[in-house]
N, C-alpha and C. Protein backbone atom coordinates (compact mmCIF):
# COMPACT_ATOMS: atom_id res chain seq x y z
N MET A 1 83.64 67.98 108.51
CA MET A 1 83.15 69.21 109.16
C MET A 1 84.24 70.27 109.09
N LEU A 2 83.89 71.50 108.66
CA LEU A 2 84.85 72.58 108.58
C LEU A 2 84.89 73.32 109.90
N PHE A 3 86.08 73.65 110.32
CA PHE A 3 86.24 74.40 111.56
C PHE A 3 86.62 75.83 111.22
N ALA A 4 85.88 76.76 111.77
CA ALA A 4 86.18 78.17 111.53
C ALA A 4 87.42 78.57 112.30
N PRO A 5 88.25 79.49 111.74
CA PRO A 5 89.41 79.96 112.46
C PRO A 5 88.99 80.70 113.72
N GLU A 6 89.87 80.72 114.69
CA GLU A 6 89.57 81.40 115.94
C GLU A 6 89.84 82.87 115.77
N PHE A 7 88.81 83.68 115.71
CA PHE A 7 88.95 85.10 115.47
C PHE A 7 89.00 85.85 116.80
N PRO A 8 89.73 86.96 116.84
CA PRO A 8 89.69 87.78 118.04
C PRO A 8 88.31 88.40 118.19
N ALA A 9 87.91 88.67 119.41
CA ALA A 9 86.59 89.25 119.65
C ALA A 9 86.46 90.60 118.97
N GLN A 10 87.56 91.29 118.80
CA GLN A 10 87.56 92.61 118.17
C GLN A 10 88.87 92.78 117.44
N PRO A 11 88.87 93.14 116.16
CA PRO A 11 90.14 93.31 115.47
C PRO A 11 90.90 94.49 116.05
N THR A 12 92.22 94.38 116.05
CA THR A 12 93.03 95.49 116.52
C THR A 12 92.90 96.62 115.52
N ARG A 13 92.47 97.77 115.97
CA ARG A 13 92.19 98.86 115.06
C ARG A 13 92.83 100.13 115.55
N ARG A 14 92.85 101.14 114.71
CA ARG A 14 93.32 102.44 115.13
C ARG A 14 92.17 103.42 115.07
N ARG A 15 92.33 104.56 115.63
CA ARG A 15 91.30 105.58 115.54
C ARG A 15 91.22 106.09 114.11
N PRO A 16 90.03 106.53 113.68
CA PRO A 16 89.91 107.02 112.31
C PRO A 16 90.76 108.25 112.09
N LEU A 17 91.17 108.46 110.83
CA LEU A 17 91.94 109.64 110.51
C LEU A 17 91.10 110.88 110.78
N ARG A 18 91.72 111.88 111.34
CA ARG A 18 91.02 113.13 111.50
C ARG A 18 90.82 113.77 110.14
N ARG A 19 89.72 114.46 109.96
CA ARG A 19 89.44 115.04 108.66
C ARG A 19 90.56 115.97 108.21
N ALA A 20 91.14 116.72 109.15
CA ALA A 20 92.21 117.65 108.78
C ALA A 20 93.39 116.92 108.19
N ALA A 21 93.64 115.72 108.66
CA ALA A 21 94.80 114.97 108.19
C ALA A 21 94.63 114.48 106.77
N VAL A 22 93.41 114.37 106.29
CA VAL A 22 93.21 113.88 104.93
C VAL A 22 92.88 115.00 103.96
N GLY A 23 93.04 116.23 104.39
CA GLY A 23 92.86 117.32 103.44
C GLY A 23 91.82 118.33 103.86
N THR A 24 92.17 119.20 104.81
CA THR A 24 91.24 120.21 105.28
C THR A 24 90.80 121.12 104.14
N ALA A 25 91.73 121.43 103.26
CA ALA A 25 91.39 122.34 102.16
C ALA A 25 90.29 121.76 101.29
N LEU A 26 90.32 120.43 101.08
CA LEU A 26 89.28 119.81 100.26
C LEU A 26 87.92 119.93 100.92
N LEU A 27 87.91 119.72 102.24
CA LEU A 27 86.65 119.76 102.95
C LEU A 27 86.10 121.18 103.04
N ALA A 28 86.95 122.16 102.83
CA ALA A 28 86.52 123.54 102.95
C ALA A 28 86.00 124.10 101.63
N THR A 29 86.03 123.31 100.58
CA THR A 29 85.60 123.81 99.27
C THR A 29 84.31 123.14 98.86
N THR A 30 83.63 123.73 97.89
CA THR A 30 82.39 123.14 97.42
C THR A 30 82.64 121.89 96.60
N ALA A 31 83.91 121.69 96.18
CA ALA A 31 84.23 120.48 95.41
C ALA A 31 84.51 119.29 96.30
N ALA A 32 84.50 119.47 97.61
CA ALA A 32 84.88 118.40 98.53
C ALA A 32 84.04 117.16 98.35
N ALA A 33 82.73 117.32 98.26
CA ALA A 33 81.86 116.16 98.16
C ALA A 33 82.17 115.35 96.93
N ALA A 34 82.47 116.03 95.82
CA ALA A 34 82.79 115.32 94.59
C ALA A 34 84.10 114.58 94.73
N VAL A 35 85.10 115.21 95.37
CA VAL A 35 86.40 114.57 95.54
C VAL A 35 86.27 113.33 96.40
N LEU A 36 85.60 113.46 97.55
CA LEU A 36 85.45 112.33 98.45
C LEU A 36 84.57 111.25 97.86
N GLY A 37 83.67 111.62 96.94
CA GLY A 37 82.78 110.65 96.33
C GLY A 37 83.40 109.83 95.23
N LEU A 38 84.67 110.10 94.87
CA LEU A 38 85.31 109.36 93.78
C LEU A 38 85.38 107.87 94.08
N ALA A 39 85.38 107.51 95.38
CA ALA A 39 85.49 106.10 95.74
C ALA A 39 84.34 105.28 95.19
N THR A 40 83.20 105.90 94.96
CA THR A 40 82.04 105.16 94.48
C THR A 40 81.98 105.06 92.98
N GLY A 41 82.79 105.88 92.28
CA GLY A 41 82.75 105.89 90.84
C GLY A 41 81.73 106.89 90.33
N ALA A 42 81.95 107.38 89.10
CA ALA A 42 81.10 108.40 88.53
C ALA A 42 79.67 107.90 88.43
N GLY A 43 78.76 108.69 88.99
CA GLY A 43 77.34 108.37 88.87
C GLY A 43 76.87 107.25 89.78
N ALA A 44 77.79 106.65 90.56
CA ALA A 44 77.40 105.54 91.41
C ALA A 44 76.78 106.06 92.70
N THR A 45 75.96 105.24 93.33
CA THR A 45 75.35 105.60 94.60
C THR A 45 76.30 105.27 95.73
N GLU A 46 76.49 106.21 96.63
CA GLU A 46 77.37 105.97 97.77
C GLU A 46 76.78 104.89 98.66
N THR A 47 77.61 103.97 99.11
CA THR A 47 77.17 102.90 100.00
C THR A 47 77.66 103.19 101.41
N VAL A 48 77.17 102.39 102.34
CA VAL A 48 77.59 102.56 103.73
C VAL A 48 79.09 102.31 103.87
N TRP A 49 79.65 101.43 103.03
CA TRP A 49 81.09 101.15 103.11
C TRP A 49 81.90 102.34 102.59
N ASP A 50 81.38 103.07 101.64
CA ASP A 50 82.06 104.29 101.20
C ASP A 50 82.11 105.31 102.34
N ARG A 51 81.03 105.36 103.12
CA ARG A 51 81.00 106.29 104.25
C ARG A 51 81.98 105.86 105.34
N VAL A 52 82.05 104.56 105.60
CA VAL A 52 83.02 104.07 106.59
C VAL A 52 84.44 104.38 106.12
N ALA A 53 84.71 104.13 104.84
CA ALA A 53 86.05 104.36 104.31
C ALA A 53 86.42 105.83 104.33
N ARG A 54 85.45 106.69 104.05
CA ARG A 54 85.74 108.12 104.07
C ARG A 54 86.17 108.56 105.47
N CYS A 55 85.55 107.98 106.47
CA CYS A 55 85.90 108.29 107.86
C CYS A 55 87.23 107.66 108.26
N GLU A 56 87.45 106.40 107.86
CA GLU A 56 88.65 105.67 108.26
C GLU A 56 89.91 106.15 107.55
N SER A 57 89.79 106.42 106.24
CA SER A 57 91.01 106.62 105.44
C SER A 57 90.90 107.77 104.45
N GLY A 58 89.86 108.58 104.57
CA GLY A 58 89.65 109.62 103.57
C GLY A 58 89.19 109.07 102.24
N GLY A 59 88.70 107.82 102.26
CA GLY A 59 88.23 107.18 101.03
C GLY A 59 89.33 106.66 100.14
N ASN A 60 90.54 106.50 100.68
CA ASN A 60 91.67 105.99 99.90
C ASN A 60 91.78 104.49 100.10
N TRP A 61 91.35 103.73 99.10
CA TRP A 61 91.31 102.27 99.22
C TRP A 61 92.69 101.63 99.06
N ALA A 62 93.67 102.40 98.62
CA ALA A 62 95.03 101.86 98.44
C ALA A 62 96.00 102.39 99.48
N ILE A 63 95.49 102.97 100.57
CA ILE A 63 96.37 103.63 101.53
C ILE A 63 97.18 102.65 102.36
N SER A 64 98.45 102.98 102.55
CA SER A 64 99.35 102.25 103.45
C SER A 64 100.34 103.26 103.99
N THR A 65 100.13 103.69 105.22
CA THR A 65 100.96 104.75 105.79
C THR A 65 102.06 104.23 106.69
N GLY A 66 102.12 102.91 106.86
CA GLY A 66 103.14 102.34 107.73
C GLY A 66 102.72 102.27 109.19
N ASN A 67 101.43 102.49 109.47
CA ASN A 67 100.96 102.45 110.85
C ASN A 67 100.40 101.09 111.26
N GLY A 68 100.48 100.11 110.36
CA GLY A 68 99.99 98.77 110.69
C GLY A 68 98.56 98.49 110.26
N TYR A 69 97.92 99.46 109.58
CA TYR A 69 96.55 99.30 109.10
C TYR A 69 96.51 99.66 107.62
N TYR A 70 95.66 98.95 106.88
CA TYR A 70 95.75 99.03 105.42
C TYR A 70 94.38 99.17 104.77
N GLY A 71 94.39 99.88 103.63
CA GLY A 71 93.21 99.96 102.79
C GLY A 71 92.16 100.93 103.27
N GLY A 72 91.09 101.03 102.49
CA GLY A 72 90.05 101.99 102.77
C GLY A 72 89.37 101.80 104.10
N LEU A 73 89.27 100.55 104.55
CA LEU A 73 88.56 100.25 105.80
C LEU A 73 89.52 99.96 106.94
N GLN A 74 90.82 100.18 106.69
CA GLN A 74 91.85 100.09 107.72
C GLN A 74 91.87 98.75 108.46
N PHE A 75 92.12 97.67 107.69
CA PHE A 75 92.29 96.36 108.29
C PHE A 75 93.68 96.22 108.89
N SER A 76 93.77 95.59 110.05
CA SER A 76 95.08 95.14 110.51
C SER A 76 95.45 93.92 109.66
N ALA A 77 96.73 93.64 109.57
CA ALA A 77 97.17 92.49 108.77
C ALA A 77 96.60 91.19 109.31
N SER A 78 96.49 91.07 110.64
CA SER A 78 96.00 89.84 111.24
C SER A 78 94.51 89.61 110.94
N THR A 79 93.73 90.68 111.00
CA THR A 79 92.30 90.55 110.68
C THR A 79 92.10 90.22 109.21
N TRP A 80 92.84 90.89 108.33
CA TRP A 80 92.76 90.64 106.90
C TRP A 80 93.06 89.17 106.59
N THR A 81 94.09 88.64 107.23
CA THR A 81 94.47 87.24 107.00
C THR A 81 93.44 86.28 107.59
N ALA A 82 92.97 86.58 108.80
CA ALA A 82 92.03 85.68 109.47
C ALA A 82 90.75 85.48 108.69
N PHE A 83 90.32 86.50 107.96
CA PHE A 83 89.06 86.42 107.22
C PHE A 83 89.27 86.12 105.73
N GLY A 84 90.45 85.66 105.36
CA GLY A 84 90.68 85.19 104.00
C GLY A 84 91.10 86.23 103.00
N GLY A 85 91.51 87.41 103.45
CA GLY A 85 91.85 88.48 102.51
C GLY A 85 93.09 88.23 101.69
N GLN A 86 93.99 87.36 102.17
CA GLN A 86 95.25 87.17 101.45
C GLN A 86 95.08 86.49 100.10
N ARG A 87 93.90 85.97 99.82
CA ARG A 87 93.67 85.43 98.48
C ARG A 87 93.65 86.55 97.44
N TYR A 88 93.44 87.79 97.90
CA TYR A 88 93.39 88.95 97.02
C TYR A 88 94.63 89.82 97.10
N GLY A 89 95.34 89.75 98.19
CA GLY A 89 96.53 90.57 98.36
C GLY A 89 97.10 90.36 99.74
N ALA A 90 98.40 90.55 99.89
CA ALA A 90 99.05 90.30 101.17
C ALA A 90 98.47 91.17 102.28
N THR A 91 98.11 92.39 101.95
CA THR A 91 97.44 93.30 102.87
C THR A 91 96.29 93.97 102.13
N ALA A 92 95.38 94.57 102.86
CA ALA A 92 94.14 95.06 102.26
C ALA A 92 94.36 96.12 101.19
N ASN A 93 95.36 96.96 101.36
CA ASN A 93 95.60 98.03 100.39
C ASN A 93 95.99 97.51 99.02
N LEU A 94 96.41 96.24 98.94
CA LEU A 94 96.81 95.65 97.67
C LEU A 94 95.63 94.99 96.94
N ALA A 95 94.47 95.02 97.55
CA ALA A 95 93.27 94.45 96.94
C ALA A 95 92.36 95.56 96.44
N PRO A 96 91.64 95.34 95.35
CA PRO A 96 90.68 96.33 94.88
C PRO A 96 89.59 96.60 95.92
N LYS A 97 88.93 97.71 95.76
CA LYS A 97 87.89 98.16 96.69
C LYS A 97 86.84 97.08 96.94
N ALA A 98 86.31 96.48 95.89
CA ALA A 98 85.22 95.52 96.06
C ALA A 98 85.65 94.31 96.87
N GLN A 99 86.90 93.93 96.73
CA GLN A 99 87.40 92.78 97.50
C GLN A 99 87.59 93.15 98.96
N GLN A 100 87.96 94.40 99.22
CA GLN A 100 88.04 94.85 100.61
C GLN A 100 86.66 94.83 101.26
N ILE A 101 85.66 95.24 100.49
CA ILE A 101 84.29 95.22 101.02
C ILE A 101 83.84 93.78 101.28
N GLU A 102 84.20 92.88 100.38
CA GLU A 102 83.83 91.47 100.55
C GLU A 102 84.36 90.94 101.88
N ILE A 103 85.63 91.23 102.19
CA ILE A 103 86.21 90.76 103.45
C ILE A 103 85.58 91.50 104.63
N ALA A 104 85.30 92.79 104.45
CA ALA A 104 84.65 93.56 105.52
C ALA A 104 83.29 92.97 105.87
N GLN A 105 82.57 92.49 104.88
CA GLN A 105 81.26 91.88 105.14
C GLN A 105 81.40 90.63 106.01
N LYS A 106 82.48 89.88 105.80
CA LYS A 106 82.72 88.70 106.64
C LYS A 106 83.02 89.11 108.08
N VAL A 107 83.83 90.17 108.22
CA VAL A 107 84.13 90.68 109.55
C VAL A 107 82.86 91.17 110.23
N LEU A 108 82.03 91.87 109.46
CA LEU A 108 80.78 92.42 110.00
C LEU A 108 79.86 91.31 110.50
N LYS A 109 79.74 90.24 109.74
CA LYS A 109 78.88 89.12 110.15
C LYS A 109 79.39 88.49 111.44
N ALA A 110 80.70 88.40 111.59
CA ALA A 110 81.28 87.74 112.76
C ALA A 110 81.34 88.64 113.99
N GLN A 111 81.60 89.94 113.78
CA GLN A 111 81.89 90.82 114.91
C GLN A 111 80.93 91.99 115.06
N GLY A 112 80.11 92.23 114.05
CA GLY A 112 79.17 93.32 114.13
C GLY A 112 79.79 94.66 113.82
N PRO A 113 79.00 95.73 113.81
CA PRO A 113 79.50 97.07 113.48
C PRO A 113 80.59 97.56 114.43
N GLY A 114 80.67 96.97 115.62
CA GLY A 114 81.69 97.38 116.58
C GLY A 114 83.10 97.14 116.12
N ALA A 115 83.27 96.38 115.04
CA ALA A 115 84.61 96.20 114.47
C ALA A 115 85.15 97.53 113.96
N TRP A 116 84.24 98.47 113.65
CA TRP A 116 84.60 99.84 113.28
C TRP A 116 83.89 100.75 114.29
N PRO A 117 84.37 100.80 115.52
CA PRO A 117 83.59 101.41 116.61
C PRO A 117 83.21 102.86 116.41
N THR A 118 84.11 103.66 115.86
CA THR A 118 83.80 105.08 115.66
C THR A 118 83.20 105.33 114.29
N CYS A 119 83.89 104.87 113.25
CA CYS A 119 83.45 105.16 111.89
C CYS A 119 82.21 104.38 111.50
N GLY A 120 82.06 103.18 112.05
CA GLY A 120 80.84 102.43 111.78
C GLY A 120 79.62 103.16 112.30
N LYS A 121 79.75 103.73 113.49
CA LYS A 121 78.63 104.48 114.07
C LYS A 121 78.35 105.74 113.27
N ARG A 122 79.41 106.46 112.90
CA ARG A 122 79.22 107.68 112.12
C ARG A 122 78.56 107.40 110.77
N ALA A 123 78.94 106.26 110.17
CA ALA A 123 78.44 105.93 108.83
C ALA A 123 77.05 105.30 108.86
N GLY A 124 76.56 104.94 110.05
CA GLY A 124 75.27 104.26 110.14
C GLY A 124 75.36 102.81 109.74
N LEU A 125 76.53 102.19 109.95
CA LEU A 125 76.73 100.80 109.57
C LEU A 125 75.94 99.85 110.46
N THR A 126 75.22 98.91 109.83
CA THR A 126 74.53 97.84 110.55
C THR A 126 74.84 96.53 109.84
N VAL A 127 74.55 95.44 110.51
CA VAL A 127 74.74 94.14 109.86
C VAL A 127 73.87 94.05 108.62
N ALA A 128 72.67 94.58 108.71
CA ALA A 128 71.73 94.50 107.58
C ALA A 128 72.23 95.28 106.37
N ASN A 129 72.57 96.57 106.56
CA ASN A 129 72.96 97.35 105.37
C ASN A 129 74.38 97.04 104.90
N GLY A 130 75.23 96.58 105.81
CA GLY A 130 76.60 96.27 105.41
C GLY A 130 76.74 94.98 104.64
N THR A 131 75.92 94.00 104.99
CA THR A 131 76.02 92.70 104.31
C THR A 131 75.21 92.63 103.04
N THR A 132 74.30 93.58 102.83
CA THR A 132 73.50 93.56 101.61
C THR A 132 74.06 94.49 100.53
N THR A 133 75.18 95.16 100.82
CA THR A 133 75.81 95.99 99.80
C THR A 133 76.26 95.11 98.65
N ALA A 134 75.83 95.44 97.44
CA ALA A 134 76.19 94.63 96.27
C ALA A 134 77.67 94.76 95.97
N VAL A 135 78.30 93.62 95.67
CA VAL A 135 79.71 93.60 95.28
C VAL A 135 79.80 93.05 93.88
N SER A 136 80.32 93.86 92.95
CA SER A 136 80.38 93.46 91.54
C SER A 136 81.28 92.26 91.35
N ARG A 137 80.78 91.25 90.66
CA ARG A 137 81.59 90.07 90.39
C ARG A 137 82.76 90.40 89.47
N ASP A 138 82.57 91.36 88.57
CA ASP A 138 83.66 91.73 87.66
C ASP A 138 84.84 92.31 88.41
N THR A 139 84.56 93.13 89.45
CA THR A 139 85.66 93.76 90.17
C THR A 139 86.21 92.88 91.28
N THR A 140 85.47 91.88 91.72
CA THR A 140 86.00 91.02 92.77
C THR A 140 86.75 89.82 92.20
N ARG A 141 86.68 89.63 90.91
CA ARG A 141 87.38 88.48 90.33
C ARG A 141 88.88 88.63 90.56
N SER A 142 89.48 87.61 91.09
CA SER A 142 90.91 87.68 91.38
C SER A 142 91.71 87.82 90.10
N LEU A 143 92.76 88.62 90.16
CA LEU A 143 93.65 88.79 89.02
C LEU A 143 94.52 87.57 88.79
N PHE A 144 94.63 86.75 89.81
CA PHE A 144 95.60 85.66 89.78
C PHE A 144 94.90 84.30 89.73
N PRO A 145 95.56 83.32 89.09
CA PRO A 145 96.91 83.38 88.51
C PRO A 145 96.94 84.09 87.16
N LEU A 146 98.02 84.81 86.94
CA LEU A 146 98.25 85.44 85.65
C LEU A 146 98.69 84.41 84.63
N ALA A 147 98.35 84.62 83.38
CA ALA A 147 98.88 83.77 82.31
C ALA A 147 100.37 84.06 82.17
N VAL A 148 101.18 83.02 82.20
CA VAL A 148 102.63 83.19 82.05
C VAL A 148 102.95 83.15 80.56
N ASP A 149 102.74 84.30 79.90
CA ASP A 149 102.90 84.37 78.46
C ASP A 149 103.97 85.38 78.02
N GLY A 150 104.61 86.03 78.99
CA GLY A 150 105.65 87.00 78.65
C GLY A 150 105.13 88.30 78.09
N GLN A 151 103.80 88.48 78.09
CA GLN A 151 103.21 89.69 77.53
C GLN A 151 102.83 90.66 78.66
N LYS A 152 103.26 91.89 78.53
CA LYS A 152 102.99 92.89 79.56
C LYS A 152 101.64 93.56 79.26
N GLY A 153 100.59 92.74 79.32
CA GLY A 153 99.25 93.23 79.01
C GLY A 153 98.55 93.83 80.21
N SER A 154 97.25 94.09 80.05
CA SER A 154 96.48 94.77 81.08
C SER A 154 96.45 94.00 82.40
N MET A 155 96.25 92.68 82.34
CA MET A 155 96.16 91.90 83.57
C MET A 155 97.48 91.89 84.32
N THR A 156 98.58 91.77 83.57
CA THR A 156 99.90 91.78 84.22
C THR A 156 100.18 93.15 84.83
N ARG A 157 99.82 94.19 84.10
CA ARG A 157 100.01 95.54 84.64
C ARG A 157 99.18 95.74 85.92
N LYS A 158 97.95 95.25 85.90
CA LYS A 158 97.11 95.35 87.09
C LYS A 158 97.70 94.53 88.24
N GLY A 159 98.26 93.37 87.90
CA GLY A 159 98.88 92.54 88.93
C GLY A 159 100.04 93.25 89.60
N VAL A 160 100.85 93.95 88.80
CA VAL A 160 101.97 94.71 89.35
C VAL A 160 101.44 95.85 90.21
N GLU A 161 100.40 96.52 89.74
CA GLU A 161 99.81 97.62 90.53
C GLU A 161 99.29 97.12 91.86
N GLN A 162 98.68 95.95 91.86
CA GLN A 162 98.18 95.39 93.11
C GLN A 162 99.35 95.05 94.03
N TRP A 163 100.41 94.53 93.47
CA TRP A 163 101.60 94.16 94.24
C TRP A 163 102.24 95.37 94.91
N VAL A 164 102.36 96.46 94.19
CA VAL A 164 103.08 97.63 94.72
C VAL A 164 102.18 98.60 95.48
N GLY A 165 100.84 98.39 95.40
CA GLY A 165 99.92 99.28 96.10
C GLY A 165 99.52 100.50 95.30
N GLY A 166 99.53 100.38 93.97
CA GLY A 166 99.11 101.48 93.11
C GLY A 166 97.63 101.40 92.80
N THR A 167 97.18 102.30 91.93
CA THR A 167 95.79 102.27 91.48
C THR A 167 95.64 101.16 90.46
N VAL A 168 94.76 100.20 90.74
CA VAL A 168 94.65 99.00 89.89
C VAL A 168 93.76 99.30 88.69
N ASP A 169 94.38 99.89 87.65
CA ASP A 169 93.63 100.24 86.45
C ASP A 169 94.32 99.79 85.16
N GLY A 170 95.48 99.14 85.29
CA GLY A 170 96.17 98.63 84.11
C GLY A 170 96.96 99.67 83.35
N SER A 171 97.04 100.88 83.86
CA SER A 171 97.79 101.95 83.20
C SER A 171 98.80 102.51 84.19
N TRP A 172 100.08 102.26 83.95
CA TRP A 172 101.10 102.65 84.92
C TRP A 172 101.35 104.15 84.89
N SER A 173 101.10 104.78 86.00
CA SER A 173 101.40 106.20 86.16
C SER A 173 102.82 106.34 86.72
N ARG A 174 103.31 107.55 86.77
CA ARG A 174 104.61 107.81 87.36
C ARG A 174 104.63 107.37 88.83
N SER A 175 103.50 107.57 89.50
CA SER A 175 103.38 107.13 90.89
C SER A 175 103.49 105.61 91.00
N ASP A 176 102.86 104.88 90.07
CA ASP A 176 102.95 103.42 90.07
C ASP A 176 104.39 102.96 89.89
N VAL A 177 105.11 103.62 88.97
CA VAL A 177 106.50 103.26 88.71
C VAL A 177 107.35 103.53 89.95
N THR A 178 107.09 104.66 90.61
CA THR A 178 107.83 104.98 91.83
C THR A 178 107.60 103.93 92.90
N LYS A 179 106.36 103.48 93.03
CA LYS A 179 106.04 102.44 94.02
C LYS A 179 106.70 101.12 93.65
N LEU A 180 106.78 100.82 92.36
CA LEU A 180 107.48 99.63 91.91
C LEU A 180 108.96 99.72 92.27
N GLN A 181 109.55 100.88 92.06
CA GLN A 181 110.96 101.08 92.39
C GLN A 181 111.22 100.89 93.88
N LEU A 182 110.33 101.39 94.71
CA LEU A 182 110.48 101.20 96.15
C LEU A 182 110.35 99.73 96.52
N LYS A 183 109.49 99.02 95.82
CA LYS A 183 109.28 97.60 96.09
C LYS A 183 110.51 96.76 95.76
N VAL A 184 111.20 97.13 94.67
CA VAL A 184 112.35 96.32 94.24
C VAL A 184 113.69 96.88 94.72
N GLY A 185 113.66 98.02 95.41
CA GLY A 185 114.88 98.58 95.96
C GLY A 185 115.68 99.43 95.00
N SER A 186 115.00 100.06 94.05
CA SER A 186 115.67 100.94 93.10
C SER A 186 115.38 102.39 93.49
N ARG A 187 116.16 103.33 92.95
CA ARG A 187 115.97 104.73 93.27
C ARG A 187 114.61 105.19 92.75
N PRO A 188 113.76 105.74 93.64
CA PRO A 188 112.39 106.10 93.25
C PRO A 188 112.30 107.42 92.51
N ASP A 189 112.66 107.39 91.22
CA ASP A 189 112.62 108.61 90.42
C ASP A 189 111.47 108.63 89.42
N GLY A 190 110.66 107.56 89.41
CA GLY A 190 109.52 107.51 88.50
C GLY A 190 109.85 107.17 87.07
N SER A 191 111.11 106.82 86.82
CA SER A 191 111.55 106.50 85.45
C SER A 191 111.89 105.01 85.36
N LEU A 192 111.25 104.34 84.44
CA LEU A 192 111.43 102.89 84.31
C LEU A 192 112.60 102.60 83.37
N GLY A 193 113.82 102.73 83.90
CA GLY A 193 115.01 102.55 83.10
C GLY A 193 115.75 101.26 83.42
N PRO A 194 116.97 101.10 82.88
CA PRO A 194 117.74 99.86 83.07
C PRO A 194 118.03 99.51 84.53
N LYS A 195 118.30 100.52 85.37
CA LYS A 195 118.61 100.23 86.77
C LYS A 195 117.40 99.65 87.49
N THR A 196 116.24 100.22 87.23
CA THR A 196 115.02 99.68 87.83
C THR A 196 114.73 98.29 87.29
N THR A 197 114.95 98.10 85.99
CA THR A 197 114.71 96.80 85.39
C THR A 197 115.62 95.74 86.00
N LYS A 198 116.90 96.08 86.20
CA LYS A 198 117.83 95.14 86.84
C LYS A 198 117.38 94.78 88.25
N ALA A 199 116.92 95.78 88.99
CA ALA A 199 116.46 95.52 90.36
C ALA A 199 115.22 94.62 90.34
N LEU A 200 114.34 94.85 89.39
CA LEU A 200 113.16 93.99 89.26
C LEU A 200 113.58 92.57 88.89
N GLN A 201 114.49 92.46 87.95
CA GLN A 201 114.94 91.14 87.52
C GLN A 201 115.56 90.36 88.68
N ALA A 202 116.31 91.06 89.53
CA ALA A 202 116.88 90.40 90.71
C ALA A 202 115.78 89.93 91.65
N LYS A 203 114.74 90.72 91.77
CA LYS A 203 113.63 90.40 92.67
C LYS A 203 112.85 89.17 92.21
N VAL A 204 112.62 89.07 90.90
CA VAL A 204 111.75 88.01 90.39
C VAL A 204 112.52 86.81 89.85
N GLY A 205 113.86 86.88 89.89
CA GLY A 205 114.67 85.74 89.46
C GLY A 205 114.91 85.65 87.98
N ALA A 206 114.97 86.80 87.30
CA ALA A 206 115.26 86.82 85.86
C ALA A 206 116.72 87.23 85.64
N THR A 207 117.23 86.99 84.45
CA THR A 207 118.59 87.40 84.11
C THR A 207 118.71 88.92 84.22
N GLN A 208 119.72 89.37 84.93
CA GLN A 208 119.87 90.80 85.22
C GLN A 208 120.67 91.50 84.12
N ASP A 209 119.99 91.83 83.03
CA ASP A 209 120.66 92.50 81.91
C ASP A 209 120.13 93.91 81.67
N GLY A 210 119.15 94.34 82.48
CA GLY A 210 118.62 95.69 82.34
C GLY A 210 117.67 95.90 81.18
N SER A 211 117.34 94.82 80.49
CA SER A 211 116.44 94.91 79.34
C SER A 211 115.15 94.15 79.66
N TRP A 212 114.03 94.86 79.67
CA TRP A 212 112.76 94.25 80.04
C TRP A 212 112.09 93.66 78.80
N GLY A 213 112.29 92.37 78.61
CA GLY A 213 111.67 91.66 77.50
C GLY A 213 110.72 90.59 77.98
N PRO A 214 110.28 89.72 77.08
CA PRO A 214 109.30 88.68 77.44
C PRO A 214 109.76 87.75 78.56
N LYS A 215 111.06 87.43 78.61
CA LYS A 215 111.54 86.53 79.66
C LYS A 215 111.42 87.17 81.04
N THR A 216 111.70 88.47 81.10
CA THR A 216 111.56 89.18 82.38
C THR A 216 110.09 89.23 82.79
N THR A 217 109.22 89.50 81.82
CA THR A 217 107.79 89.57 82.12
C THR A 217 107.27 88.21 82.58
N ALA A 218 107.72 87.13 81.95
CA ALA A 218 107.29 85.79 82.34
C ALA A 218 107.76 85.48 83.76
N ALA A 219 108.99 85.87 84.09
CA ALA A 219 109.51 85.66 85.44
C ALA A 219 108.69 86.45 86.46
N LEU A 220 108.32 87.67 86.07
CA LEU A 220 107.49 88.51 86.93
C LEU A 220 106.12 87.87 87.13
N GLN A 221 105.52 87.36 86.08
CA GLN A 221 104.21 86.71 86.18
C GLN A 221 104.27 85.49 87.11
N ARG A 222 105.32 84.70 86.98
CA ARG A 222 105.47 83.54 87.87
C ARG A 222 105.64 84.00 89.32
N TYR A 223 106.42 85.05 89.51
CA TYR A 223 106.66 85.57 90.86
C TYR A 223 105.35 86.04 91.50
N LEU A 224 104.55 86.80 90.75
CA LEU A 224 103.29 87.30 91.29
C LEU A 224 102.30 86.17 91.55
N ASN A 225 102.33 85.15 90.71
CA ASN A 225 101.44 84.00 90.94
C ASN A 225 101.81 83.26 92.22
N ARG A 226 103.10 83.14 92.48
CA ARG A 226 103.53 82.49 93.74
C ARG A 226 103.13 83.36 94.93
N LEU A 227 103.21 84.66 94.76
CA LEU A 227 102.94 85.59 95.87
C LEU A 227 101.46 85.66 96.19
N PHE A 228 100.62 85.69 95.16
CA PHE A 228 99.19 85.91 95.37
C PHE A 228 98.30 84.73 95.02
N GLY A 229 98.84 83.78 94.28
CA GLY A 229 98.00 82.70 93.77
C GLY A 229 97.59 81.70 94.85
């Protein structure tokens, strides 16, 4: 017989972000709806979870402001862990959108819309519409374990993006590099040079020579597998 974990009656939450805090100028323009709708993807139909996220975090599924709540739906670390979210990332902001919704559906079934007391009400969230939102199997598939092949391919790049809290698309932007530098303790200048490579190598247990080759990538892949696998 399986025993369910003992969940709190209500997850510890914060008040939703005020609209002004997430960009008053955007909301004042005719382009606002398009900007806020990016969370659903081009041409996609907005779901109730997109509406909750827009209220909670401005629709930023990778947000981490240091206030103790993470991701588009603003999970506390304890709630994320209690409902199995750590299989996708240490905190919610490190998991793709669809995986955050998957965990949110579990919270919704256990605690009801009151788990998002303000934003759930504003978004019209119910157990019925929240649990029937389709979650793409392609996007919820875990990135881990990564193949330890020393190749810095798309999956490894996505794994690093998930680790550092960047946009998980397999293409490293300057912002992704800066987040990687902050993660490994290097100067956040957005440039992936020898100093950043050495700091990464120290973090993942590779030889610290400042040259990012297959051995460094393999060490990184093993490190991420231990962290998320």
